[in-house]
N, C-alpha and C. Protein backbone atom coordinates (compact mmCIF):
# COMPACT_ATOMS: atom_id res chain seq x y z
N MET A 1 -40.90 -63.86 -28.20
CA MET A 1 -40.16 -64.00 -26.66
C MET A 1 -38.67 -63.91 -27.41
N ALA A 2 -37.90 -62.80 -26.94
CA ALA A 2 -36.36 -62.48 -27.54
C ALA A 2 -35.52 -63.45 -26.69
N THR A 3 -35.79 -63.50 -25.58
CA THR A 3 -34.54 -64.20 -24.83
C THR A 3 -34.34 -65.85 -25.01
N ALA A 4 -33.23 -66.16 -24.73
CA ALA A 4 -33.01 -67.87 -25.19
C ALA A 4 -33.18 -68.38 -24.16
N THR A 5 -33.65 -69.39 -23.73
CA THR A 5 -34.03 -70.42 -22.65
C THR A 5 -33.08 -71.06 -22.79
N ALA A 6 -32.82 -72.28 -21.82
CA ALA A 6 -32.36 -73.23 -21.61
C ALA A 6 -32.32 -74.66 -22.88
N SER A 7 -33.58 -74.39 -23.27
CA SER A 7 -34.11 -75.61 -24.24
C SER A 7 -33.70 -75.25 -25.65
N GLN A 8 -33.81 -73.45 -25.64
CA GLN A 8 -33.66 -72.81 -27.26
C GLN A 8 -32.10 -72.38 -27.30
N PRO A 9 -31.50 -72.66 -28.40
CA PRO A 9 -30.51 -72.46 -28.80
C PRO A 9 -30.03 -71.08 -28.79
N LYS A 10 -28.84 -70.43 -28.69
CA LYS A 10 -28.54 -69.18 -28.45
C LYS A 10 -28.50 -68.91 -30.07
N THR A 11 -29.05 -67.55 -29.75
CA THR A 11 -28.88 -66.75 -31.30
C THR A 11 -27.33 -66.26 -31.25
N HIS A 12 -27.12 -65.75 -32.52
CA HIS A 12 -25.97 -65.25 -33.13
C HIS A 12 -25.55 -63.91 -32.36
N ASP A 13 -26.37 -62.76 -32.37
CA ASP A 13 -26.46 -61.82 -31.33
C ASP A 13 -26.18 -62.30 -29.90
N ASP A 14 -27.19 -63.02 -29.40
CA ASP A 14 -26.61 -63.70 -27.94
C ASP A 14 -25.12 -64.01 -27.60
N ILE A 15 -24.73 -64.66 -28.47
CA ILE A 15 -23.46 -65.54 -28.52
C ILE A 15 -22.27 -63.92 -28.86
N LYS A 16 -22.55 -63.28 -29.37
CA LYS A 16 -21.80 -62.28 -29.72
C LYS A 16 -21.93 -61.09 -28.27
N THR A 17 -22.89 -60.95 -27.68
CA THR A 17 -23.05 -60.25 -26.83
C THR A 17 -22.82 -60.56 -25.30
N ALA A 18 -22.40 -62.18 -25.24
CA ALA A 18 -21.69 -63.01 -24.10
C ALA A 18 -20.28 -62.75 -24.40
N ASP A 19 -19.67 -62.62 -25.38
CA ASP A 19 -18.39 -62.55 -25.81
C ASP A 19 -18.05 -61.29 -25.41
N LEU A 20 -18.44 -59.98 -25.80
CA LEU A 20 -18.38 -59.13 -25.52
C LEU A 20 -18.18 -58.23 -24.05
N GLU A 21 -19.33 -59.71 -23.29
CA GLU A 21 -19.23 -58.94 -21.96
C GLU A 21 -18.19 -59.60 -21.41
N LYS A 22 -17.46 -61.03 -21.73
CA LYS A 22 -16.32 -61.24 -21.69
C LYS A 22 -15.18 -60.66 -21.60
N VAL A 23 -15.12 -59.63 -22.64
CA VAL A 23 -14.00 -58.81 -23.17
C VAL A 23 -13.79 -57.68 -22.21
N THR A 24 -14.98 -57.01 -22.04
CA THR A 24 -15.22 -56.05 -20.85
C THR A 24 -14.72 -56.36 -19.34
N ASP A 25 -15.35 -57.50 -19.09
CA ASP A 25 -15.01 -57.80 -17.92
C ASP A 25 -13.42 -58.03 -17.75
N TYR A 26 -13.04 -58.77 -18.89
CA TYR A 26 -11.30 -58.62 -18.56
C TYR A 26 -10.64 -57.51 -18.26
N VAL A 27 -11.26 -56.20 -19.44
CA VAL A 27 -10.35 -55.24 -19.42
C VAL A 27 -10.71 -54.51 -18.31
N GLU A 28 -12.00 -54.61 -17.48
CA GLU A 28 -12.14 -53.77 -16.25
C GLU A 28 -11.20 -54.66 -15.17
N ASP A 29 -10.77 -56.05 -15.33
CA ASP A 29 -10.45 -56.88 -14.32
C ASP A 29 -8.83 -56.09 -14.11
N SER A 30 -8.53 -56.07 -15.52
CA SER A 30 -7.12 -55.94 -15.76
C SER A 30 -6.56 -54.41 -15.25
N GLU A 31 -7.67 -53.30 -15.52
CA GLU A 31 -7.03 -51.85 -15.28
C GLU A 31 -6.38 -51.72 -13.75
N ILE A 32 -5.25 -51.15 -14.08
CA ILE A 32 -4.59 -50.58 -13.17
C ILE A 32 -4.85 -49.24 -12.45
N LYS A 33 -5.17 -49.07 -11.14
CA LYS A 33 -5.98 -48.12 -10.38
C LYS A 33 -4.93 -47.08 -10.38
N ASP A 34 -5.38 -46.09 -10.21
CA ASP A 34 -4.17 -44.68 -10.32
C ASP A 34 -3.53 -44.71 -9.12
N LYS A 35 -3.71 -45.31 -7.81
CA LYS A 35 -2.78 -45.44 -6.55
C LYS A 35 -2.01 -46.45 -6.85
N ASP A 36 -2.43 -47.35 -7.68
CA ASP A 36 -1.39 -48.27 -7.76
C ASP A 36 -0.12 -47.66 -8.92
N ILE A 37 -0.73 -47.09 -9.95
CA ILE A 37 0.22 -46.36 -10.47
C ILE A 37 1.05 -45.69 -9.64
N GLY A 38 0.77 -44.80 -9.41
CA GLY A 38 1.63 -43.85 -8.30
C GLY A 38 2.55 -44.39 -7.48
N LYS A 39 1.96 -45.86 -6.92
CA LYS A 39 3.18 -46.37 -5.97
C LYS A 39 4.17 -47.10 -6.74
N ARG A 40 3.71 -47.74 -7.92
CA ARG A 40 4.62 -48.23 -8.46
C ARG A 40 5.74 -47.61 -9.38
N ILE A 41 5.18 -46.34 -9.67
CA ILE A 41 5.80 -45.13 -10.06
C ILE A 41 7.36 -45.01 -9.19
N SER A 42 6.76 -44.76 -8.13
CA SER A 42 7.81 -43.99 -6.82
C SER A 42 8.34 -45.60 -6.59
N LEU A 43 8.27 -46.89 -6.71
CA LEU A 43 8.94 -47.72 -6.27
C LEU A 43 9.92 -47.91 -7.80
N ILE A 44 9.96 -47.49 -8.60
CA ILE A 44 10.80 -47.47 -9.84
C ILE A 44 11.46 -46.36 -9.52
N ALA A 45 11.29 -45.16 -9.16
CA ALA A 45 11.99 -44.25 -8.70
C ALA A 45 12.96 -44.43 -7.84
N SER A 46 12.73 -44.75 -6.40
CA SER A 46 13.46 -45.29 -5.54
C SER A 46 14.37 -46.15 -5.81
N ARG A 47 14.13 -47.22 -6.83
CA ARG A 47 15.18 -48.54 -7.40
C ARG A 47 16.20 -47.58 -7.86
N ARG A 48 15.97 -46.49 -9.00
CA ARG A 48 16.79 -45.93 -9.61
C ARG A 48 17.88 -45.05 -8.76
N ALA A 49 16.96 -44.53 -7.92
CA ALA A 49 17.93 -43.31 -6.79
C ALA A 49 18.90 -44.61 -6.20
N LYS A 50 18.30 -45.60 -5.40
CA LYS A 50 19.47 -46.37 -5.21
C LYS A 50 20.36 -46.92 -6.00
N GLU A 51 20.15 -47.67 -7.47
CA GLU A 51 21.44 -47.49 -8.65
C GLU A 51 22.16 -46.51 -8.49
N ALA A 52 21.93 -45.22 -8.73
CA ALA A 52 22.50 -44.47 -8.65
C ALA A 52 23.48 -43.72 -8.01
N GLU A 53 22.95 -44.44 -6.68
CA GLU A 53 23.87 -43.78 -5.66
C GLU A 53 24.84 -45.04 -5.40
N GLU A 54 24.57 -45.91 -5.57
CA GLU A 54 25.13 -47.43 -5.53
C GLU A 54 26.14 -46.99 -6.71
N ARG A 55 26.10 -46.55 -7.76
CA ARG A 55 27.33 -46.45 -8.93
C ARG A 55 27.87 -45.09 -8.70
N GLN A 56 27.61 -44.16 -8.05
CA GLN A 56 28.55 -43.22 -7.38
C GLN A 56 29.41 -43.37 -6.40
N ARG A 57 28.85 -44.42 -5.43
CA ARG A 57 29.63 -45.22 -4.49
C ARG A 57 30.89 -45.75 -4.88
N ARG A 58 30.55 -46.57 -6.00
CA ARG A 58 31.56 -47.52 -7.00
C ARG A 58 32.45 -46.48 -7.36
N GLU A 59 32.00 -45.63 -8.11
CA GLU A 59 33.11 -44.80 -8.98
C GLU A 59 34.10 -44.12 -7.72
N LYS A 60 33.46 -43.81 -6.69
CA LYS A 60 34.45 -43.32 -5.65
C LYS A 60 35.30 -44.04 -5.09
N GLU A 61 35.01 -45.17 -5.07
CA GLU A 61 35.92 -46.40 -4.63
C GLU A 61 36.83 -46.29 -5.70
N LEU A 62 36.45 -46.79 -6.92
CA LEU A 62 37.16 -46.89 -8.08
C LEU A 62 38.54 -45.49 -8.27
N SER A 63 37.84 -44.37 -7.85
CA SER A 63 39.09 -43.50 -7.92
C SER A 63 40.22 -43.46 -6.88
N LYS A 64 39.66 -44.19 -5.89
CA LYS A 64 40.97 -44.41 -5.02
C LYS A 64 42.01 -45.27 -5.28
N VAL A 65 41.84 -46.12 -6.32
CA VAL A 65 42.69 -47.30 -6.59
C VAL A 65 44.04 -46.34 -6.92
N PRO A 66 45.17 -46.49 -6.93
CA PRO A 66 46.07 -45.88 -7.51
C PRO A 66 46.71 -46.93 -8.64
N ILE A 67 46.74 -46.11 -10.02
CA ILE A 67 47.28 -46.94 -10.93
C ILE A 67 48.39 -46.48 -11.36
N ASN A 68 49.28 -47.36 -12.20
CA ASN A 68 50.40 -46.99 -12.77
C ASN A 68 50.24 -46.24 -14.44
N LYS A 69 50.77 -45.46 -14.64
CA LYS A 69 50.93 -44.51 -15.82
C LYS A 69 51.22 -45.43 -16.83
N GLU A 70 52.57 -46.17 -16.70
CA GLU A 70 52.98 -46.86 -17.62
C GLU A 70 52.14 -48.02 -18.04
N ASP A 71 51.12 -48.48 -17.17
CA ASP A 71 50.36 -49.56 -17.18
C ASP A 71 49.04 -49.29 -18.16
N VAL A 72 48.87 -47.76 -17.92
CA VAL A 72 47.85 -47.37 -18.91
C VAL A 72 47.82 -47.46 -20.11
N GLU A 73 49.43 -46.84 -20.18
CA GLU A 73 49.82 -46.61 -21.73
C GLU A 73 49.99 -47.76 -22.15
N LEU A 74 50.69 -48.46 -21.93
CA LEU A 74 50.87 -50.33 -22.16
C LEU A 74 49.79 -50.93 -22.73
N ILE A 75 48.28 -50.49 -21.90
CA ILE A 75 46.97 -51.05 -22.56
C ILE A 75 46.54 -50.60 -23.58
N MET A 76 46.60 -48.94 -23.44
CA MET A 76 46.02 -48.46 -24.60
C MET A 76 46.41 -48.64 -25.49
N ASN A 77 47.93 -48.88 -25.76
CA ASN A 77 48.74 -49.04 -26.89
C ASN A 77 48.48 -50.65 -27.67
N ASP A 78 48.53 -51.41 -26.82
CA ASP A 78 48.38 -52.92 -27.27
C ASP A 78 47.13 -53.41 -27.09
N LEU A 79 45.92 -52.78 -26.50
CA LEU A 79 44.51 -53.29 -26.78
C LEU A 79 44.00 -52.31 -27.47
N GLU A 80 44.39 -51.10 -28.23
CA GLU A 80 43.95 -50.27 -28.70
C GLU A 80 42.45 -49.68 -27.92
N MET A 81 42.82 -49.23 -27.12
CA MET A 81 41.44 -48.92 -25.97
C MET A 81 42.03 -47.44 -25.75
N SER A 82 40.99 -46.43 -25.27
CA SER A 82 41.30 -45.25 -24.72
C SER A 82 41.47 -45.22 -23.42
N ARG A 83 42.09 -44.00 -22.93
CA ARG A 83 42.47 -43.60 -21.65
C ARG A 83 41.43 -44.21 -20.69
N SER A 84 40.30 -43.84 -20.89
CA SER A 84 39.31 -43.63 -19.61
C SER A 84 38.84 -45.43 -19.54
N GLN A 85 38.72 -45.85 -20.61
CA GLN A 85 38.74 -47.48 -20.77
C GLN A 85 40.11 -48.50 -20.21
N ALA A 86 41.15 -48.02 -20.51
CA ALA A 86 41.94 -48.43 -19.48
C ALA A 86 42.20 -48.25 -18.15
N GLU A 87 41.94 -46.92 -17.96
CA GLU A 87 42.49 -46.65 -16.39
C GLU A 87 41.00 -47.62 -16.01
N ARG A 88 40.01 -47.61 -16.15
CA ARG A 88 38.75 -47.99 -15.51
C ARG A 88 38.88 -49.56 -15.52
N GLN A 89 39.66 -50.23 -16.57
CA GLN A 89 39.99 -51.76 -16.27
C GLN A 89 40.79 -52.08 -15.41
N LEU A 90 41.98 -51.04 -15.12
CA LEU A 90 42.75 -51.13 -14.20
C LEU A 90 42.34 -51.17 -12.54
N ARG A 91 41.56 -50.00 -12.39
CA ARG A 91 41.12 -49.58 -11.32
C ARG A 91 40.02 -50.55 -10.99
N GLU A 92 39.10 -51.13 -11.81
CA GLU A 92 38.46 -52.62 -11.59
C GLU A 92 39.13 -53.89 -11.12
N HIS A 93 40.71 -53.74 -11.33
CA HIS A 93 41.46 -55.05 -11.11
C HIS A 93 42.62 -54.79 -9.88
N ASP A 94 42.27 -53.54 -9.05
CA ASP A 94 42.95 -52.86 -8.08
C ASP A 94 44.22 -52.79 -8.71
N GLY A 95 44.45 -52.19 -9.85
CA GLY A 95 45.55 -51.69 -10.39
C GLY A 95 46.67 -53.36 -10.78
N ASP A 96 46.33 -53.88 -10.91
CA ASP A 96 47.11 -55.12 -11.24
C ASP A 96 47.11 -55.40 -12.67
N LEU A 97 48.20 -55.10 -13.15
CA LEU A 97 48.38 -55.29 -14.71
C LEU A 97 48.14 -56.69 -15.38
N ILE A 98 48.89 -57.68 -14.67
CA ILE A 98 48.11 -59.00 -14.98
C ILE A 98 46.97 -59.48 -15.19
N ALA A 99 46.59 -59.02 -13.99
CA ALA A 99 44.91 -59.62 -13.91
C ALA A 99 44.08 -58.83 -14.80
N THR A 100 44.15 -57.60 -15.25
CA THR A 100 43.59 -56.81 -15.79
C THR A 100 43.51 -57.07 -17.68
N LEU A 101 45.16 -57.57 -17.97
CA LEU A 101 45.48 -58.36 -19.10
C LEU A 101 44.81 -59.69 -19.19
N VAL A 102 44.82 -60.26 -18.50
CA VAL A 102 44.14 -61.61 -18.83
C VAL A 102 42.75 -61.36 -18.74
N THR A 103 41.92 -60.57 -18.14
CA THR A 103 40.77 -60.12 -18.06
C THR A 103 40.49 -59.95 -19.88
N LEU A 104 40.90 -58.53 -19.91
CA LEU A 104 40.77 -58.45 -21.11
C LEU A 104 41.28 -58.74 -22.25
N THR A 105 42.11 -60.28 -22.63
CA THR A 105 42.55 -60.83 -23.48
C THR A 105 41.14 -62.11 -23.72
N ASN A 106 41.10 -62.65 -22.38
CA ASN A 106 39.94 -63.83 -22.77
C ASN A 106 38.73 -63.42 -22.71
């Protein structure tokens, strides 16, 4: 009789077979269905589109903020920043030189 009963100890092969069965069951349970993948990809794509739209909206708002050329030059020279970085920082602080300098030096 090749099968193990409750009174007989399991053989090495029976234990390995049971372990292999556990692994394959786990893999089968954790596989992602094609439909789920499609849903998740579309969710990621929609999140990225929303983020890009939000960035564009923010950039448009920032471009409307008036900044002083002398303030840009001061930040560029004193803090050794590029013009685009200096302009961005000033715009993020509504053109306020003092607030920009405080933020950049802290």
